[in-house]
Amino acid sequence: MGLPGSGKTYLAQRLQPLLRAAWYNADKLREMASDSDFSKEGRIRQSLRMRAFADFESKQGRTVICDFICPTKETRKNFAPDVVIWLDTIKEGRFEDTNALFEEPTNFDFRIKEWNDKNHIDIASELLKDV
């Protein structure tokens, strides 16, 4: 999770092959659903949509990566991830409405403050320890 432009998709692209995970990108799912509603209700609907896809994959025994903003406590509660990676790499995204409602998470498993060539490798290694 993180603001637009923080590197969520960049990280997901690199983690996916290391974890051999299913991967869902919020922009692609919104496009498939023909849903470009970024109101509070639209964001809640998106968090529930992302959860439905993640739950389906999880029930098939697959690891799942979902890259999306998930900007509020409510949307995070709806999504209910097992692991949260917070991309805290920027202080403002390109959309003022998202910046205004984004609530920094207090609970996360990993926090990336700046990029390096090993972020994804280190996170994947840590996640695969218990598999």
Protein backbone atom coordinates (compact mmCIF):
# COMPACT_ATOMS: atom_id res chain seq x y z
CA MET A 1 0.00 0.00 0.00
CA GLY A 2 1.06 3.57 -0.53
CA LEU A 3 0.31 6.79 -2.31
CA PRO A 4 0.04 6.91 -6.11
CA GLY A 5 3.55 6.90 -7.52
CA SER A 6 5.18 5.37 -4.43
CA GLY A 7 6.22 2.20 -6.28
CA LYS A 8 3.52 -0.34 -5.49
CA THR A 9 3.41 -1.82 -8.97
CA TYR A 10 7.20 -1.64 -9.31
CA LEU A 11 7.56 -3.71 -6.13
CA ALA A 12 4.78 -6.14 -7.05
CA GLN A 13 6.42 -6.82 -10.44
CA ARG A 14 9.62 -7.79 -8.67
CA LEU A 15 8.04 -9.76 -5.83
CA GLN A 16 5.65 -11.81 -7.97
CA PRO A 17 8.21 -14.15 -9.57
CA LEU A 18 10.15 -14.55 -6.31
CA LEU A 19 7.01 -15.55 -4.41
CA ARG A 20 5.38 -17.34 -7.36
CA ALA A 21 2.27 -15.43 -6.44
CA ALA A 22 -0.95 -14.43 -8.11
CA TRP A 23 -0.87 -10.67 -8.61
CA TYR A 24 -3.75 -8.21 -8.78
CA ASN A 25 -3.23 -4.58 -9.68
CA ALA A 26 -5.96 -2.17 -8.58
CA ASP A 27 -5.89 -0.12 -11.78
CA LYS A 28 -6.39 -3.23 -13.90
CA LEU A 29 -9.24 -4.50 -11.74
CA ARG A 30 -10.95 -1.10 -11.83
CA GLU A 31 -10.62 -1.14 -15.62
CA MET A 32 -12.07 -4.66 -15.84
CA ALA A 33 -14.98 -3.59 -13.64
CA SER A 34 -15.48 -0.33 -15.58
CA ASP A 35 -15.32 1.41 -12.21
CA SER A 36 -13.44 4.69 -12.06
CA ASP A 37 -15.28 5.92 -8.98
CA PHE A 38 -12.80 7.29 -6.45
CA SER A 39 -15.38 8.56 -4.00
CA LYS A 40 -15.36 7.15 -0.48
CA GLU A 41 -17.93 4.55 -1.55
CA GLY A 42 -15.91 3.70 -4.66
CA ARG A 43 -12.77 3.18 -2.62
CA ILE A 44 -14.65 0.93 -0.19
CA ARG A 45 -16.05 -1.06 -3.12
CA GLN A 46 -12.51 -1.39 -4.52
CA SER A 47 -11.15 -2.69 -1.21
CA LEU A 48 -13.90 -5.32 -1.13
CA ARG A 49 -13.26 -6.22 -4.77
CA MET A 50 -9.54 -6.65 -4.11
CA ARG A 51 -10.35 -8.83 -1.11
CA ALA A 52 -12.67 -11.04 -3.15
CA PHE A 53 -9.92 -11.72 -5.70
CA ALA A 54 -7.32 -12.29 -2.98
CA ASP A 55 -9.63 -14.62 -1.04
CA PHE A 56 -10.33 -16.67 -4.17
CA GLU A 57 -6.60 -17.17 -4.83
CA SER A 58 -5.87 -17.86 -1.19
CA LYS A 59 -8.55 -20.57 -1.09
CA GLN A 60 -6.74 -22.20 -4.02
CA GLY A 61 -3.60 -22.32 -1.87
CA ARG A 62 -1.81 -19.53 -3.69
CA THR A 63 0.15 -16.61 -2.36
CA VAL A 64 -1.42 -13.35 -3.53
CA ILE A 65 -0.03 -9.89 -4.10
CA CYS A 66 -2.48 -7.01 -4.35
CA ASP A 67 -1.02 -3.64 -5.18
CA PHE A 68 -3.32 -0.76 -4.42
CA ILE A 69 -3.48 2.43 -2.42
CA CYS A 70 -5.83 1.21 0.32
CA PRO A 71 -5.85 4.73 1.73
CA THR A 72 -7.93 4.56 4.92
CA LYS A 73 -8.29 2.45 8.05
CA GLU A 74 -11.71 1.37 6.80
CA THR A 75 -10.43 0.14 3.42
CA ARG A 76 -7.56 -1.69 5.15
CA LYS A 77 -10.01 -3.32 7.55
CA ASN A 78 -12.18 -4.40 4.60
CA PHE A 79 -9.23 -5.86 2.74
CA ALA A 80 -7.74 -7.53 5.86
CA PRO A 81 -4.32 -8.50 4.47
CA ASP A 82 -2.07 -11.08 6.08
CA VAL A 83 1.00 -8.95 5.31
CA VAL A 84 1.20 -5.20 4.74
CA ILE A 85 4.06 -3.57 2.88
CA TRP A 86 3.88 0.19 3.22
CA LEU A 87 5.65 2.13 0.49
CA ASP A 88 6.50 5.30 2.37
CA THR A 89 8.69 6.61 -0.44
CA ILE A 90 6.85 9.87 -1.18
CA LYS A 91 4.95 12.37 0.93
CA GLU A 92 2.44 13.43 -1.74
CA GLY A 93 0.95 11.52 -4.63
CA ARG A 94 -0.30 13.01 -7.89
CA PHE A 95 -3.96 13.14 -6.81
CA GLU A 96 -4.96 15.76 -4.26
CA ASP A 97 -8.12 13.89 -3.21
CA THR A 98 -6.06 10.80 -2.37
CA ASN A 99 -3.44 12.85 -0.51
CA ALA A 100 -6.20 14.46 1.56
CA LEU A 101 -7.78 11.20 2.71
CA PHE A 102 -4.67 9.00 2.95
CA GLU A 103 -4.13 7.82 6.53
CA GLU A 104 -0.65 6.57 7.28
CA PRO A 105 -0.88 3.01 8.55
CA THR A 106 0.06 2.24 12.13
CA ASN A 107 0.24 -1.52 11.55
CA PHE A 108 2.49 -2.85 8.82
CA ASP A 109 4.97 -5.68 8.39
CA PHE A 110 7.43 -3.93 6.10
CA ARG A 111 8.07 -0.26 5.43
CA ILE A 112 10.08 0.91 2.46
CA LYS A 113 11.29 4.48 2.83
CA GLU A 114 13.64 4.46 -0.13
CA TRP A 115 14.41 2.17 -3.01
CA ASN A 116 17.45 0.02 -3.42
CA ASP A 117 18.25 -3.00 -5.56
CA LYS A 118 17.46 -5.43 -2.72
CA ASN A 119 14.13 -4.28 -1.23
CA HIS A 120 12.15 -6.94 -3.06
CA ILE A 121 14.72 -9.67 -2.45
CA ASP A 122 14.88 -8.94 1.28
CA ILE A 123 11.09 -8.91 1.63
CA ALA A 124 10.65 -12.10 -0.40
CA SER A 125 13.32 -13.87 1.64
CA GLU A 126 11.65 -12.87 4.88
CA LEU A 127 8.21 -13.97 3.66
CA LEU A 128 9.50 -17.32 2.41
CA LYS A 129 11.20 -18.21 5.71
CA ASP A 130 8.03 -19.75 7.13
CA VAL A 131 6.85 -21.48 3.96
